[in-house]
Amino acid sequence: MAKKVLAEFEYLSGDSVVTIWQTNEESIHQHDAYAERTATIAERID
């Protein structure tokens, strides 16, 4: 997903901040899993 962001918005400067959220909805457990990553384009969020 992060690689697609880098490819789609390649015109952004290196100091542009990108935040990616992901939710995994669990069918077996009674909770969901969440993840978040924030970085600048220069930090290569791959």
N, C-alpha and C. Protein backbone atom coordinates (compact mmCIF):
# COMPACT_ATOMS: atom_id res chain seq x y z
N MET A 1 0.82 -1.19 0.00
CA MET A 1 0.00 0.00 0.00
C MET A 1 0.87 1.25 0.00
N ALA A 2 1.90 1.28 0.82
CA ALA A 2 2.76 2.46 0.91
C ALA A 2 3.47 2.70 -0.41
N LYS A 3 3.87 1.66 -1.09
CA LYS A 3 4.54 1.82 -2.38
C LYS A 3 3.61 2.45 -3.40
N LYS A 4 2.33 2.12 -3.34
CA LYS A 4 1.36 2.72 -4.24
C LYS A 4 1.21 4.22 -3.97
N VAL A 5 1.26 4.60 -2.71
CA VAL A 5 1.18 6.02 -2.36
C VAL A 5 2.38 6.76 -2.93
N LEU A 6 3.56 6.19 -2.78
CA LEU A 6 4.77 6.82 -3.31
C LEU A 6 4.70 6.96 -4.82
N ALA A 7 4.18 5.95 -5.49
CA ALA A 7 4.08 6.00 -6.95
C ALA A 7 3.01 7.00 -7.41
N GLU A 8 1.88 7.00 -6.74
CA GLU A 8 0.76 7.87 -7.12
C GLU A 8 1.07 9.35 -6.89
N PHE A 9 1.79 9.64 -5.83
CA PHE A 9 2.05 11.03 -5.46
C PHE A 9 3.52 11.37 -5.55
N GLU A 10 4.18 10.90 -6.59
CA GLU A 10 5.62 11.10 -6.75
C GLU A 10 6.00 12.58 -6.88
N TYR A 11 5.04 13.43 -7.18
CA TYR A 11 5.30 14.86 -7.31
C TYR A 11 5.42 15.58 -5.96
N LEU A 12 5.06 14.91 -4.87
CA LEU A 12 5.14 15.54 -3.55
C LEU A 12 6.60 15.72 -3.12
N SER A 13 6.85 16.77 -2.36
CA SER A 13 8.21 17.00 -1.87
C SER A 13 8.55 16.02 -0.76
N GLY A 14 9.83 15.87 -0.49
CA GLY A 14 10.30 14.92 0.51
C GLY A 14 9.82 15.19 1.92
N ASP A 15 9.43 16.44 2.21
CA ASP A 15 8.96 16.75 3.56
C ASP A 15 7.44 16.62 3.71
N SER A 16 6.75 16.12 2.68
CA SER A 16 5.32 15.85 2.78
C SER A 16 5.09 14.68 3.72
N VAL A 17 4.09 14.81 4.59
CA VAL A 17 3.79 13.78 5.58
C VAL A 17 2.64 12.91 5.08
N VAL A 18 2.83 11.60 5.20
CA VAL A 18 1.81 10.62 4.80
C VAL A 18 1.48 9.77 6.02
N THR A 19 0.18 9.57 6.26
CA THR A 19 -0.27 8.68 7.33
C THR A 19 -1.11 7.58 6.72
N ILE A 20 -0.82 6.35 7.08
CA ILE A 20 -1.56 5.20 6.57
C ILE A 20 -2.16 4.45 7.76
N TRP A 21 -3.46 4.16 7.66
CA TRP A 21 -4.16 3.39 8.68
C TRP A 21 -4.62 2.08 8.09
N GLN A 22 -4.62 1.05 8.89
CA GLN A 22 -5.12 -0.24 8.45
C GLN A 22 -5.91 -0.88 9.58
N THR A 23 -7.04 -1.47 9.23
CA THR A 23 -7.85 -2.22 10.19
C THR A 23 -8.03 -3.63 9.67
N ASN A 24 -7.74 -4.60 10.51
CA ASN A 24 -8.00 -6.00 10.19
C ASN A 24 -9.18 -6.44 11.04
N GLU A 25 -10.29 -6.68 10.38
CA GLU A 25 -11.49 -7.10 11.10
C GLU A 25 -11.40 -8.60 11.36
N GLU A 26 -11.36 -8.95 12.63
CA GLU A 26 -11.21 -10.35 13.03
C GLU A 26 -12.57 -11.04 13.05
N SER A 27 -12.62 -12.21 12.45
CA SER A 27 -13.87 -12.97 12.46
C SER A 27 -13.90 -14.01 13.58
N ILE A 28 -12.73 -14.42 14.03
CA ILE A 28 -12.65 -15.45 15.06
C ILE A 28 -12.59 -14.81 16.45
N HIS A 29 -11.82 -13.75 16.59
CA HIS A 29 -11.62 -13.10 17.89
C HIS A 29 -12.65 -11.99 18.11
N GLN A 30 -12.77 -11.57 19.34
CA GLN A 30 -13.73 -10.52 19.69
C GLN A 30 -13.09 -9.14 19.65
N HIS A 31 -12.04 -8.99 18.90
CA HIS A 31 -11.39 -7.68 18.76
C HIS A 31 -10.86 -7.55 17.33
N ASP A 32 -10.63 -6.32 16.92
CA ASP A 32 -10.01 -6.05 15.63
C ASP A 32 -8.57 -5.59 15.86
N ALA A 33 -7.75 -5.68 14.84
CA ALA A 33 -6.36 -5.23 14.93
C ALA A 33 -6.22 -3.93 14.13
N TYR A 34 -5.50 -2.96 14.71
CA TYR A 34 -5.31 -1.67 14.08
C TYR A 34 -3.82 -1.36 13.96
N ALA A 35 -3.46 -0.70 12.87
CA ALA A 35 -2.07 -0.28 12.68
C ALA A 35 -2.07 1.11 12.06
N GLU A 36 -1.05 1.88 12.40
CA GLU A 36 -0.91 3.22 11.85
C GLU A 36 0.56 3.51 11.65
N ARG A 37 0.88 4.17 10.53
CA ARG A 37 2.27 4.55 10.24
C ARG A 37 2.27 5.94 9.65
N THR A 38 3.08 6.82 10.22
CA THR A 38 3.23 8.18 9.72
C THR A 38 4.70 8.41 9.41
N ALA A 39 4.97 8.99 8.25
CA ALA A 39 6.34 9.27 7.84
C ALA A 39 6.33 10.33 6.75
N THR A 40 7.48 10.92 6.49
CA THR A 40 7.60 11.82 5.36
C THR A 40 7.92 11.00 4.11
N ILE A 41 7.70 11.59 2.97
CA ILE A 41 8.03 10.92 1.71
C ILE A 41 9.51 10.58 1.69
N ALA A 42 10.35 11.45 2.21
CA ALA A 42 11.80 11.22 2.22
C ALA A 42 12.18 10.02 3.07
N GLU A 43 11.36 9.68 4.08
CA GLU A 43 11.67 8.54 4.93
C GLU A 43 11.31 7.20 4.26
N ARG A 44 10.70 7.24 3.11
CA ARG A 44 10.37 6.02 2.35
C ARG A 44 9.58 5.03 3.20
N ILE A 45 8.31 5.20 3.30
CA ILE A 45 7.46 4.42 4.19
C ILE A 45 7.15 3.02 3.66
N ASP A 46 8.03 2.42 2.87
CA ASP A 46 7.72 1.12 2.31
C ASP A 46 7.69 0.06 3.35
